[in-house]
PDB file of all heavy atoms in Angstrom:
ATOM      1  N   VAL A   1      -5.032 -21.813  -5.021  1.00  0.00           N
ATOM      2  CA  VAL A   1      -4.347 -20.778  -5.824  1.00  0.00           C
ATOM      3  C   VAL A   1      -5.448 -19.910  -6.490  1.00  0.00           C
ATOM      4  O   VAL A   1      -6.702 -20.370  -6.504  1.00  0.00           O
ATOM      5  CB  VAL A   1      -3.383 -21.398  -6.978  1.00  0.00           C
ATOM      6  CG1 VAL A   1      -2.238 -22.131  -6.431  1.00  0.00           C
ATOM      7  CG2 VAL A   1      -4.239 -22.154  -7.958  1.00  0.00           C
ATOM      8  N   TYR A   2      -5.066 -18.662  -6.750  1.00  0.00           N
ATOM      9  CA  TYR A   2      -6.004 -17.711  -7.360  1.00  0.00           C
ATOM     10  C   TYR A   2      -5.439 -17.581  -8.758  1.00  0.00           C
ATOM     11  O   TYR A   2      -4.341 -17.053  -8.893  1.00  0.00           O
ATOM     12  CB  TYR A   2      -6.150 -16.524  -6.554  1.00  0.00           C
ATOM     13  CG  TYR A   2      -7.119 -15.526  -6.871  1.00  0.00           C
ATOM     14  CD1 TYR A   2      -8.490 -15.841  -7.316  1.00  0.00           C
ATOM     15  CD2 TYR A   2      -6.850 -14.011  -7.119  1.00  0.00           C
ATOM     16  CE1 TYR A   2      -9.357 -15.000  -7.715  1.00  0.00           C
ATOM     17  CE2 TYR A   2      -7.770 -13.197  -7.601  1.00  0.00           C
ATOM     18  CZ  TYR A   2      -9.068 -13.651  -7.866  1.00  0.00           C
ATOM     19  OH  TYR A   2      -9.970 -12.732  -8.319  1.00  0.00           O
ATOM     20  N   VAL A   3      -6.286 -17.858  -9.810  1.00  0.00           N
ATOM     21  CA  VAL A   3      -5.889 -17.526 -11.149  1.00  0.00           C
ATOM     22  C   VAL A   3      -6.591 -16.154 -11.638  1.00  0.00           C
ATOM     23  O   VAL A   3      -7.832 -16.215 -11.519  1.00  0.00           O
ATOM     24  CB  VAL A   3      -6.211 -18.753 -12.100  1.00  0.00           C
ATOM     25  CG1 VAL A   3      -5.731 -18.398 -13.421  1.00  0.00           C
ATOM     26  CG2 VAL A   3      -5.630 -20.011 -11.538  1.00  0.00           C
ATOM     27  N   GLU A   4      -5.874 -15.197 -12.152  1.00  0.00           N
ATOM     28  CA  GLU A   4      -6.404 -14.000 -12.304  1.00  0.00           C
ATOM     29  C   GLU A   4      -5.927 -13.501 -13.645  1.00  0.00           C
ATOM     30  O   GLU A   4      -4.915 -13.821 -14.143  1.00  0.00           O
ATOM     31  CB  GLU A   4      -5.893 -12.979 -11.305  1.00  0.00           C
ATOM     32  CG  GLU A   4      -6.534 -11.627 -11.302  1.00  0.00           C
ATOM     33  CD  GLU A   4      -6.084 -10.917 -10.142  1.00  0.00           C
ATOM     34  OE1 GLU A   4      -4.790 -10.662  -9.923  1.00  0.00           O
ATOM     35  OE2 GLU A   4      -6.914 -10.428  -9.320  1.00  0.00           O
ATOM     36  N   ASP A   5      -6.626 -12.579 -14.280  1.00  0.00           N
ATOM     37  CA  ASP A   5      -6.279 -12.101 -15.614  1.00  0.00           C
ATOM     38  C   ASP A   5      -5.026 -11.047 -15.418  1.00  0.00           C
ATOM     39  O   ASP A   5      -4.874 -10.538 -14.419  1.00  0.00           O
ATOM     40  CB  ASP A   5      -7.489 -11.142 -16.100  1.00  0.00           C
ATOM     41  CG  ASP A   5      -8.287 -11.723 -17.182  1.00  0.00           C
ATOM     42  OD1 ASP A   5      -7.760 -12.602 -17.921  1.00  0.00           O
ATOM     43  OD2 ASP A   5      -9.528 -11.436 -17.350  1.00  0.00           O
ATOM     44  N   GLY A   6      -4.195 -11.052 -16.520  1.00  0.00           N
ATOM     45  CA  GLY A   6      -3.106 -10.132 -16.376  1.00  0.00           C
ATOM     46  C   GLY A   6      -3.521  -8.750 -16.473  1.00  0.00           C
ATOM     47  O   GLY A   6      -4.621  -8.336 -16.868  1.00  0.00           O
ATOM     48  N   CYS A   7      -2.642  -7.796 -16.286  1.00  0.00           N
ATOM     49  CA  CYS A   7      -2.939  -6.517 -16.356  1.00  0.00           C
ATOM     50  C   CYS A   7      -1.820  -5.534 -16.831  1.00  0.00           C
ATOM     51  O   CYS A   7      -0.544  -5.951 -16.679  1.00  0.00           O
ATOM     52  CB  CYS A   7      -3.180  -5.861 -14.834  1.00  0.00           C
ATOM     53  SG  CYS A   7      -3.611  -4.315 -14.666  1.00  0.00           S
ATOM     54  N   ASP A   8      -2.203  -4.543 -17.694  1.00  0.00           N
ATOM     55  CA  ASP A   8      -1.282  -3.740 -18.347  1.00  0.00           C
ATOM     56  C   ASP A   8      -0.922  -2.575 -17.446  1.00  0.00           C
ATOM     57  O   ASP A   8      -1.608  -1.551 -17.339  1.00  0.00           O
ATOM     58  CB  ASP A   8      -1.909  -3.218 -19.642  1.00  0.00           C
ATOM     59  CG  ASP A   8      -0.701  -2.725 -20.614  1.00  0.00           C
ATOM     60  OD1 ASP A   8       0.404  -2.746 -20.297  1.00  0.00           O
ATOM     61  OD2 ASP A   8      -1.210  -2.160 -21.704  1.00  0.00           O
ATOM     62  N   ILE A   9       0.133  -2.757 -16.585  1.00  0.00           N
ATOM     63  CA  ILE A   9       0.440  -1.756 -15.440  1.00  0.00           C
ATOM     64  C   ILE A   9       1.252  -0.631 -16.015  1.00  0.00           C
ATOM     65  O   ILE A   9       2.260  -0.803 -16.662  1.00  0.00           O
ATOM     66  CB  ILE A   9       1.126  -2.552 -14.392  1.00  0.00           C
ATOM     67  CG1 ILE A   9       0.352  -3.704 -13.875  1.00  0.00           C
ATOM     68  CG2 ILE A   9       1.532  -1.558 -13.259  1.00  0.00           C
ATOM     69  CD1 ILE A   9       1.018  -4.635 -12.897  1.00  0.00           C
ATOM     70  N   GLU A  10       0.777   0.589 -15.597  1.00  0.00           N
ATOM     71  CA  GLU A  10       1.583   1.776 -15.887  1.00  0.00           C
ATOM     72  C   GLU A  10       2.360   2.206 -14.470  1.00  0.00           C
ATOM     73  O   GLU A  10       3.534   2.615 -14.558  1.00  0.00           O
ATOM     74  CB  GLU A  10       0.620   2.994 -16.283  1.00  0.00           C
ATOM     75  CG  GLU A  10       1.489   4.189 -16.705  1.00  0.00           C
ATOM     76  CD  GLU A  10       0.666   5.290 -17.298  1.00  0.00           C
ATOM     77  OE1 GLU A  10       0.218   5.018 -18.499  1.00  0.00           O
ATOM     78  OE2 GLU A  10       0.092   6.282 -16.540  1.00  0.00           O
ATOM     79  N   ARG A  11       1.649   2.157 -13.411  1.00  0.00           N
ATOM     80  CA  ARG A  11       2.210   2.579 -12.117  1.00  0.00           C
ATOM     81  C   ARG A  11       1.837   1.649 -11.172  1.00  0.00           C
ATOM     82  O   ARG A  11       0.768   1.229 -11.096  1.00  0.00           O
ATOM     83  CB  ARG A  11       1.966   3.983 -11.775  1.00  0.00           C
ATOM     84  CG  ARG A  11       2.521   5.076 -12.646  1.00  0.00           C
ATOM     85  CD  ARG A  11       2.083   6.426 -12.224  1.00  0.00           C
ATOM     86  NE  ARG A  11       2.511   6.749 -10.749  1.00  0.00           N
ATOM     87  CZ  ARG A  11       1.885   7.622  -9.980  1.00  0.00           C
ATOM     88  NH1 ARG A  11       0.858   8.301 -10.306  1.00  0.00           N
ATOM     89  NH2 ARG A  11       2.449   7.844  -8.741  1.00  0.00           N
ATOM     90  N   GLU A  12       2.550   1.345  -9.995  1.00  0.00           N
ATOM     91  CA  GLU A  12       2.256   0.632  -8.869  1.00  0.00           C
ATOM     92  C   GLU A  12       2.223   1.653  -7.514  1.00  0.00           C
ATOM     93  O   GLU A  12       3.214   2.152  -7.242  1.00  0.00           O
ATOM     94  CB  GLU A  12       3.262  -0.473  -8.604  1.00  0.00           C
ATOM     95  CG  GLU A  12       3.092  -1.606  -9.668  1.00  0.00           C
ATOM     96  CD  GLU A  12       3.822  -2.851  -9.249  1.00  0.00           C
ATOM     97  OE1 GLU A  12       4.621  -2.911  -8.224  1.00  0.00           O
ATOM     98  OE2 GLU A  12       3.724  -3.842 -10.064  1.00  0.00           O
ATOM     99  N   LEU A  13       1.147   1.589  -6.897  1.00  0.00           N
ATOM    100  CA  LEU A  13       0.989   2.447  -5.730  1.00  0.00           C
ATOM    101  C   LEU A  13       0.841   1.688  -4.615  1.00  0.00           C
ATOM    102  O   LEU A  13       0.482   0.408  -4.657  1.00  0.00           O
ATOM    103  CB  LEU A  13      -0.112   3.434  -5.882  1.00  0.00           C
ATOM    104  CG  LEU A  13      -0.120   4.286  -7.261  1.00  0.00           C
ATOM    105  CD1 LEU A  13      -1.403   5.034  -7.406  1.00  0.00           C
ATOM    106  CD2 LEU A  13       1.128   5.145  -7.481  1.00  0.00           C
ATOM    107  N   TYR A  14       0.597   2.177  -3.226  1.00  0.00           N
ATOM    108  CA  TYR A  14       0.233   1.593  -2.061  1.00  0.00           C
ATOM    109  C   TYR A  14      -0.780   2.294  -1.408  1.00  0.00           C
ATOM    110  O   TYR A  14      -0.939   3.516  -1.377  1.00  0.00           O
ATOM    111  CB  TYR A  14       1.474   1.505  -1.166  1.00  0.00           C
ATOM    112  CG  TYR A  14       1.168   0.870   0.319  1.00  0.00           C
ATOM    113  CD1 TYR A  14       1.282  -0.559   0.451  1.00  0.00           C
ATOM    114  CD2 TYR A  14       0.658   1.697   1.299  1.00  0.00           C
ATOM    115  CE1 TYR A  14       0.922  -1.041   1.671  1.00  0.00           C
ATOM    116  CE2 TYR A  14       0.318   1.088   2.422  1.00  0.00           C
ATOM    117  CZ  TYR A  14       0.476  -0.256   2.697  1.00  0.00           C
ATOM    118  OH  TYR A  14       0.110  -0.798   3.828  1.00  0.00           O
ATOM    119  N   LEU A  15      -1.841   1.514  -0.864  1.00  0.00           N
ATOM    120  CA  LEU A  15      -3.046   2.120  -0.229  1.00  0.00           C
ATOM    121  C   LEU A  15      -3.502   1.183   0.895  1.00  0.00           C
ATOM    122  O   LEU A  15      -3.650  -0.019   0.689  1.00  0.00           O
ATOM    123  CB  LEU A  15      -4.146   2.372  -1.217  1.00  0.00           C
ATOM    124  CG  LEU A  15      -5.354   3.030  -0.724  1.00  0.00           C
ATOM    125  CD1 LEU A  15      -5.010   4.519  -0.218  1.00  0.00           C
ATOM    126  CD2 LEU A  15      -6.424   3.080  -1.812  1.00  0.00           C
ATOM    127  N   SER A  16      -3.698   1.732   2.019  1.00  0.00           N
ATOM    128  CA  SER A  16      -4.303   0.870   3.152  1.00  0.00           C
ATOM    129  C   SER A  16      -5.152   1.711   4.014  1.00  0.00           C
ATOM    130  O   SER A  16      -4.974   2.963   4.072  1.00  0.00           O
ATOM    131  CB  SER A  16      -3.135   0.264   3.964  1.00  0.00           C
ATOM    132  OG  SER A  16      -2.470   1.151   4.685  1.00  0.00           O
ATOM    133  N   LEU A  17      -6.120   1.099   4.683  1.00  0.00           N
ATOM    134  CA  LEU A  17      -6.917   1.616   5.688  1.00  0.00           C
ATOM    135  C   LEU A  17      -6.688   0.810   6.949  1.00  0.00           C
ATOM    136  O   LEU A  17      -6.664  -0.381   7.006  1.00  0.00           O
ATOM    137  CB  LEU A  17      -8.483   1.598   5.305  1.00  0.00           C
ATOM    138  CG  LEU A  17      -8.813   2.293   4.206  1.00  0.00           C
ATOM    139  CD1 LEU A  17     -10.468   2.201   3.978  1.00  0.00           C
ATOM    140  CD2 LEU A  17      -8.620   3.823   4.229  1.00  0.00           C
ATOM    141  N   LEU A  18      -6.676   1.530   8.165  1.00  0.00           N
ATOM    142  CA  LEU A  18      -6.572   0.929   9.524  1.00  0.00           C
ATOM    143  C   LEU A  18      -7.047   1.755  10.603  1.00  0.00           C
ATOM    144  O   LEU A  18      -7.300   2.945  10.302  1.00  0.00           O
ATOM    145  CB  LEU A  18      -5.076   0.490   9.698  1.00  0.00           C
ATOM    146  CG  LEU A  18      -3.961   1.556   9.560  1.00  0.00           C
ATOM    147  CD1 LEU A  18      -3.942   2.241  10.901  1.00  0.00           C
ATOM    148  CD2 LEU A  18      -2.662   0.909   9.425  1.00  0.00           C
ATOM    149  N   VAL A  19      -7.366   1.034  11.605  1.00  0.00           N
ATOM    150  CA  VAL A  19      -7.916   1.841  12.817  1.00  0.00           C
ATOM    151  C   VAL A  19      -6.695   2.199  13.627  1.00  0.00           C
ATOM    152  O   VAL A  19      -5.891   1.502  14.032  1.00  0.00           O
ATOM    153  CB  VAL A  19      -8.827   1.015  13.782  1.00  0.00           C
ATOM    154  CG1 VAL A  19      -9.276   1.689  14.913  1.00  0.00           C
ATOM    155  CG2 VAL A  19     -10.007   0.410  12.949  1.00  0.00           C
ATOM    156  N   ASP A  20      -6.537   3.679  13.754  1.00  0.00           N
ATOM    157  CA  ASP A  20      -5.496   4.268  14.619  1.00  0.00           C
ATOM    158  C   ASP A  20      -6.072   4.471  15.993  1.00  0.00           C
ATOM    159  O   ASP A  20      -6.873   5.350  16.294  1.00  0.00           O
ATOM    160  CB  ASP A  20      -5.071   5.611  13.989  1.00  0.00           C
ATOM    161  CG  ASP A  20      -3.838   6.189  14.658  1.00  0.00           C
ATOM    162  OD1 ASP A  20      -3.720   5.913  15.917  1.00  0.00           O
ATOM    163  OD2 ASP A  20      -3.161   6.909  13.941  1.00  0.00           O
ATOM    164  N   ARG A  21      -5.543   3.702  17.010  1.00  0.00           N
ATOM    165  CA  ARG A  21      -6.123   3.743  18.361  1.00  0.00           C
ATOM    166  C   ARG A  21      -5.752   5.104  19.087  1.00  0.00           C
ATOM    167  O   ARG A  21      -6.412   5.495  19.885  1.00  0.00           O
ATOM    168  CB  ARG A  21      -5.529   2.582  19.199  1.00  0.00           C
ATOM    169  CG  ARG A  21      -6.146   1.213  18.784  1.00  0.00           C
ATOM    170  CD  ARG A  21      -5.675   0.115  19.733  1.00  0.00           C
ATOM    171  NE  ARG A  21      -6.320  -1.083  19.326  1.00  0.00           N
ATOM    172  CZ  ARG A  21      -5.873  -1.924  18.432  1.00  0.00           C
ATOM    173  NH1 ARG A  21      -4.733  -1.655  17.816  1.00  0.00           N
ATOM    174  NH2 ARG A  21      -6.429  -3.031  18.208  1.00  0.00           N
ATOM    175  N   VAL A  22      -4.641   5.738  18.495  1.00  0.00           N
ATOM    176  CA  VAL A  22      -4.175   6.943  19.110  1.00  0.00           C
ATOM    177  C   VAL A  22      -5.126   8.124  18.863  1.00  0.00           C
ATOM    178  O   VAL A  22      -5.537   8.927  19.746  1.00  0.00           O
ATOM    179  CB  VAL A  22      -2.775   7.323  18.653  1.00  0.00           C
ATOM    180  CG1 VAL A  22      -2.180   8.661  19.194  1.00  0.00           C
ATOM    181  CG2 VAL A  22      -1.722   6.312  19.221  1.00  0.00           C
ATOM    182  N   THR A  23      -5.400   8.225  17.541  1.00  0.00           N
ATOM    183  CA  THR A  23      -6.324   9.342  17.125  1.00  0.00           C
ATOM    184  C   THR A  23      -7.906   8.911  17.127  1.00  0.00           C
ATOM    185  O   THR A  23      -8.781   9.883  16.950  1.00  0.00           O
ATOM    186  CB  THR A  23      -6.089   9.782  15.702  1.00  0.00           C
ATOM    187  OG1 THR A  23      -6.281   8.548  14.785  1.00  0.00           O
ATOM    188  CG2 THR A  23      -4.653  10.247  15.620  1.00  0.00           C
ATOM    189  N   SER A  24      -8.165   7.678  17.383  1.00  0.00           N
ATOM    190  CA  SER A  24      -9.549   7.183  17.359  1.00  0.00           C
ATOM    191  C   SER A  24     -10.159   7.404  15.882  1.00  0.00           C
ATOM    192  O   SER A  24     -11.339   7.577  15.880  1.00  0.00           O
ATOM    193  CB  SER A  24     -10.317   7.662  18.304  1.00  0.00           C
ATOM    194  OG  SER A  24      -9.896   7.246  19.724  1.00  0.00           O
ATOM    195  N   CYS A  25      -9.404   7.359  14.863  1.00  0.00           N
ATOM    196  CA  CYS A  25      -9.786   7.597  13.570  1.00  0.00           C
ATOM    197  C   CYS A  25      -9.383   6.493  12.676  1.00  0.00           C
ATOM    198  O   CYS A  25      -8.695   5.706  13.076  1.00  0.00           O
ATOM    199  CB  CYS A  25      -9.120   8.866  13.078  1.00  0.00           C
ATOM    200  SG  CYS A  25      -9.643  10.446  13.677  1.00  0.00           S
ATOM    201  N   VAL A  26     -10.055   6.410  11.430  1.00  0.00           N
ATOM    202  CA  VAL A  26      -9.716   5.575  10.399  1.00  0.00           C
ATOM    203  C   VAL A  26      -8.560   6.308   9.581  1.00  0.00           C
ATOM    204  O   VAL A  26      -8.747   7.301   9.224  1.00  0.00           O
ATOM    205  CB  VAL A  26     -10.699   5.266   9.558  1.00  0.00           C
ATOM    206  CG1 VAL A  26     -10.323   4.234   8.363  1.00  0.00           C
ATOM    207  CG2 VAL A  26     -11.926   4.488  10.327  1.00  0.00           C
ATOM    208  N   THR A  27      -7.387   5.607   9.661  1.00  0.00           N
ATOM    209  CA  THR A  27      -6.314   6.231   8.948  1.00  0.00           C
ATOM    210  C   THR A  27      -6.008   5.769   7.513  1.00  0.00           C
ATOM    211  O   THR A  27      -5.980   4.504   7.425  1.00  0.00           O
ATOM    212  CB  THR A  27      -4.950   6.087   9.805  1.00  0.00           C
ATOM    213  OG1 THR A  27      -5.249   6.835  11.039  1.00  0.00           O
ATOM    214  CG2 THR A  27      -3.775   6.824   9.101  1.00  0.00           C
ATOM    215  N   VAL A  28      -5.859   6.551   6.627  1.00  0.00           N
ATOM    216  CA  VAL A  28      -5.473   6.179   5.205  1.00  0.00           C
ATOM    217  C   VAL A  28      -3.982   6.252   5.042  1.00  0.00           C
ATOM    218  O   VAL A  28      -3.432   7.381   5.273  1.00  0.00           O
ATOM    219  CB  VAL A  28      -6.260   7.103   4.034  1.00  0.00           C
ATOM    220  CG1 VAL A  28      -5.941   6.525   2.857  1.00  0.00           C
ATOM    221  CG2 VAL A  28      -7.764   7.053   4.404  1.00  0.00           C
ATOM    222  N   ILE A  29      -3.349   5.214   4.740  1.00  0.00           N
ATOM    223  CA  ILE A  29      -1.878   5.292   4.412  1.00  0.00           C
ATOM    224  C   ILE A  29      -1.700   5.124   2.848  1.00  0.00           C
ATOM    225  O   ILE A  29      -2.175   4.152   2.431  1.00  0.00           O
ATOM    226  CB  ILE A  29      -1.183   4.299   5.104  1.00  0.00           C
ATOM    227  CG1 ILE A  29      -1.427   4.551   6.838  1.00  0.00           C
ATOM    228  CG2 ILE A  29       0.517   4.257   4.899  1.00  0.00           C
ATOM    229  CD1 ILE A  29      -0.733   3.461   7.630  1.00  0.00           C
ATOM    230  N   ALA A  30      -1.037   5.983   2.340  1.00  0.00           N
ATOM    231  CA  ALA A  30      -0.748   5.913   0.850  1.00  0.00           C
ATOM    232  C   ALA A  30       0.642   6.165   0.377  1.00  0.00           C
ATOM    233  O   ALA A  30       1.420   6.923   1.239  1.00  0.00           O
ATOM    234  CB  ALA A  30      -1.680   6.836   0.115  1.00  0.00           C
ATOM    235  N   CYS A  31       1.068   5.664  -0.638  1.00  0.00           N
ATOM    236  CA  CYS A  31       2.495   5.941  -1.038  1.00  0.00           C
ATOM    237  C   CYS A  31       2.587   5.752  -2.633  1.00  0.00           C
ATOM    238  O   CYS A  31       1.898   4.906  -3.194  1.00  0.00           O
ATOM    239  CB  CYS A  31       3.426   4.876  -0.336  1.00  0.00           C
ATOM    240  SG  CYS A  31       5.223   5.092  -0.878  1.00  0.00           S
ATOM    241  N   GLN A  32       3.372   6.583  -3.249  1.00  0.00           N
ATOM    242  CA  GLN A  32       3.557   6.567  -4.687  1.00  0.00           C
ATOM    243  C   GLN A  32       4.288   5.274  -5.079  1.00  0.00           C
ATOM    244  O   GLN A  32       4.386   4.962  -6.253  1.00  0.00           O
ATOM    245  CB  GLN A  32       4.166   7.719  -5.221  1.00  0.00           C
ATOM    246  CG  GLN A  32       3.205   8.945  -5.143  1.00  0.00           C
ATOM    247  CD  GLN A  32       3.706  10.203  -6.078  1.00  0.00           C
ATOM    248  OE1 GLN A  32       4.316   9.941  -7.045  1.00  0.00           O
ATOM    249  NE2 GLN A  32       3.396  11.363  -5.536  1.00  0.00           N
ATOM    250  N   GLU A  33       5.053   4.690  -4.203  1.00  0.00           N
ATOM    251  CA  GLU A  33       5.923   3.556  -4.491  1.00  0.00           C
ATOM    252  C   GLU A  33       5.360   2.236  -3.897  1.00  0.00           C
ATOM    253  O   GLU A  33       5.821   1.877  -2.791  1.00  0.00           O
ATOM    254  CB  GLU A  33       7.367   3.888  -4.034  1.00  0.00           C
ATOM    255  CG  GLU A  33       8.005   5.075  -4.705  1.00  0.00           C
ATOM    256  CD  GLU A  33       9.453   5.383  -4.251  1.00  0.00           C
ATOM    257  OE1 GLU A  33       9.997   4.370  -3.772  1.00  0.00           O
ATOM    258  OE2 GLU A  33       9.856   6.397  -4.368  1.00  0.00           O
ATOM    259  N   GLY A  34       4.527   1.604  -4.535  1.00  0.00           N
ATOM    260  CA  GLY A  34       3.935   0.429  -3.989  1.00  0.00           C
ATOM    261  C   GLY A  34       4.579  -0.863  -4.514  1.00  0.00           C
ATOM    262  O   GLY A  34       5.631  -0.615  -5.156  1.00  0.00           O
ATOM    263  N   GLY A  35       4.110  -2.012  -4.279  1.00  0.00           N
ATOM    264  CA  GLY A  35       4.807  -3.195  -4.814  1.00  0.00           C
ATOM    265  C   GLY A  35       5.521  -3.984  -3.546  1.00  0.00           C
ATOM    266  O   GLY A  35       5.300  -3.744  -2.397  1.00  0.00           O
ATOM    267  N   MET A  36       6.365  -4.898  -4.061  1.00  0.00           N
ATOM    268  CA  MET A  36       7.007  -5.727  -3.042  1.00  0.00           C
ATOM    269  C   MET A  36       8.030  -5.051  -2.129  1.00  0.00           C
ATOM    270  O   MET A  36       8.230  -5.733  -1.043  1.00  0.00           O
ATOM    271  CB  MET A  36       7.730  -6.833  -3.908  1.00  0.00           C
ATOM    272  CG  MET A  36       6.791  -7.871  -4.634  1.00  0.00           C
ATOM    273  SD  MET A  36       7.652  -9.215  -5.391  1.00  0.00           S
ATOM    274  CE  MET A  36       8.648  -8.505  -6.543  1.00  0.00           C
ATOM    275  N   ASP A  37       8.400  -3.927  -2.487  1.00  0.00           N
ATOM    276  CA  ASP A  37       9.418  -3.290  -1.568  1.00  0.00           C
ATOM    277  C   ASP A  37       8.964  -2.145  -0.670  1.00  0.00           C
ATOM    278  O   ASP A  37       9.590  -1.185  -0.207  1.00  0.00           O
ATOM    279  CB  ASP A  37      10.644  -2.691  -2.429  1.00  0.00           C
ATOM    280  CG  ASP A  37      11.278  -3.741  -3.396  1.00  0.00           C
ATOM    281  OD1 ASP A  37      11.655  -4.950  -2.669  1.00  0.00           O
ATOM    282  OD2 ASP A  37      11.577  -3.549  -4.522  1.00  0.00           O
ATOM    283  N   ILE A  38       7.670  -2.237  -0.416  1.00  0.00           N
ATOM    284  CA  ILE A  38       7.045  -1.176   0.386  1.00  0.00           C
ATOM    285  C   ILE A  38       7.613  -1.025   1.746  1.00  0.00           C
ATOM    286  O   ILE A  38       7.850   0.102   2.379  1.00  0.00           O
ATOM    287  CB  ILE A  38       5.510  -1.297   0.443  1.00  0.00           C
ATOM    288  CG1 ILE A  38       4.862  -0.135   1.254  1.00  0.00           C
ATOM    289  CG2 ILE A  38       5.148  -2.619   1.157  1.00  0.00           C
ATOM    290  CD1 ILE A  38       5.042   1.392   0.379  1.00  0.00           C
ATOM    291  N   GLU A  39       8.037  -2.112   2.430  1.00  0.00           N
ATOM    292  CA  GLU A  39       8.701  -2.105   3.754  1.00  0.00           C
ATOM    293  C   GLU A  39       9.939  -1.370   3.675  1.00  0.00           C
ATOM    294  O   GLU A  39      10.389  -0.526   4.649  1.00  0.00           O
ATOM    295  CB  GLU A  39       8.958  -3.451   4.209  1.00  0.00           C
ATOM    296  CG  GLU A  39       7.670  -4.250   4.704  1.00  0.00           C
ATOM    297  CD  GLU A  39       7.000  -5.028   3.395  1.00  0.00           C
ATOM    298  OE1 GLU A  39       7.557  -4.850   2.311  1.00  0.00           O
ATOM    299  OE2 GLU A  39       6.132  -5.824   3.659  1.00  0.00           O
ATOM    300  N   GLU A  40      10.695  -1.520   2.485  1.00  0.00           N
ATOM    301  CA  GLU A  40      11.979  -0.794   2.395  1.00  0.00           C
ATOM    302  C   GLU A  40      11.721   0.680   2.265  1.00  0.00           C
ATOM    303  O   GLU A  40      12.625   1.536   2.767  1.00  0.00           O
ATOM    304  CB  GLU A  40      12.807  -1.364   1.205  1.00  0.00           C
ATOM    305  CG  GLU A  40      13.315  -2.716   1.488  1.00  0.00           C
ATOM    306  CD  GLU A  40      14.041  -3.325   0.233  1.00  0.00           C
ATOM    307  OE1 GLU A  40      14.481  -2.396  -0.583  1.00  0.00           O
ATOM    308  OE2 GLU A  40      14.130  -4.609   0.024  1.00  0.00           O
ATOM    309  N   VAL A  41      10.766   1.068   1.419  1.00  0.00           N
ATOM    310  CA  VAL A  41      10.410   2.508   1.231  1.00  0.00           C
ATOM    311  C   VAL A  41      10.159   3.164   2.662  1.00  0.00           C
ATOM    312  O   VAL A  41      10.558   4.211   2.961  1.00  0.00           O
ATOM    313  CB  VAL A  41       9.241   2.552   0.259  1.00  0.00           C
ATOM    314  CG1 VAL A  41       8.756   4.034   0.250  1.00  0.00           C
ATOM    315  CG2 VAL A  41       9.748   2.170  -0.934  1.00  0.00           C
ATOM    316  N   ALA A  42       9.183   2.328   3.436  1.00  0.00           N
ATOM    317  CA  ALA A  42       8.892   2.996   4.725  1.00  0.00           C
ATOM    318  C   ALA A  42      10.021   3.134   5.735  1.00  0.00           C
ATOM    319  O   ALA A  42       9.990   4.110   6.419  1.00  0.00           O
ATOM    320  CB  ALA A  42       7.749   2.087   5.333  1.00  0.00           C
ATOM    321  N   ALA A  43      11.082   2.227   5.531  1.00  0.00           N
ATOM    322  CA  ALA A  43      12.109   2.369   6.429  1.00  0.00           C
ATOM    323  C   ALA A  43      13.228   3.412   6.028  1.00  0.00           C
ATOM    324  O   ALA A  43      13.620   4.136   6.755  1.00  0.00           O
ATOM    325  CB  ALA A  43      12.805   0.893   6.579  1.00  0.00           C
ATOM    326  N   SER A  44      13.415   3.435   4.735  1.00  0.00           N
ATOM    327  CA  SER A  44      14.474   4.357   4.204  1.00  0.00           C
ATOM    328  C   SER A  44      13.939   5.719   3.804  1.00  0.00           C
ATOM    329  O   SER A  44      14.650   6.640   4.008  1.00  0.00           O
ATOM    330  CB  SER A  44      15.190   3.688   3.054  1.00  0.00           C
ATOM    331  OG  SER A  44      14.200   3.413   2.004  1.00  0.00           O
ATOM    332  N   SER A  45      12.620   5.886   3.482  1.00  0.00           N
ATOM    333  CA  SER A  45      12.119   7.154   3.030  1.00  0.00           C
ATOM    334  C   SER A  45      10.753   7.331   3.569  1.00  0.00           C
ATOM    335  O   SER A  45       9.869   7.462   2.858  1.00  0.00           O
ATOM    336  CB  SER A  45      12.015   7.187   1.522  1.00  0.00           C
ATOM    337  OG  SER A  45      13.265   6.923   0.772  1.00  0.00           O
TER     338      SER A  45
END
């Protein structure tokens, strides 16, 4: 297990980097609605 300090959160966002084989670029994916429901956000909005 990982034991970590708590955090005073104001907003939760989403951020990722990955290799896009189509563009041969590093693609940054970001969203203002991060957290546990990011898959639902991607599917519905």
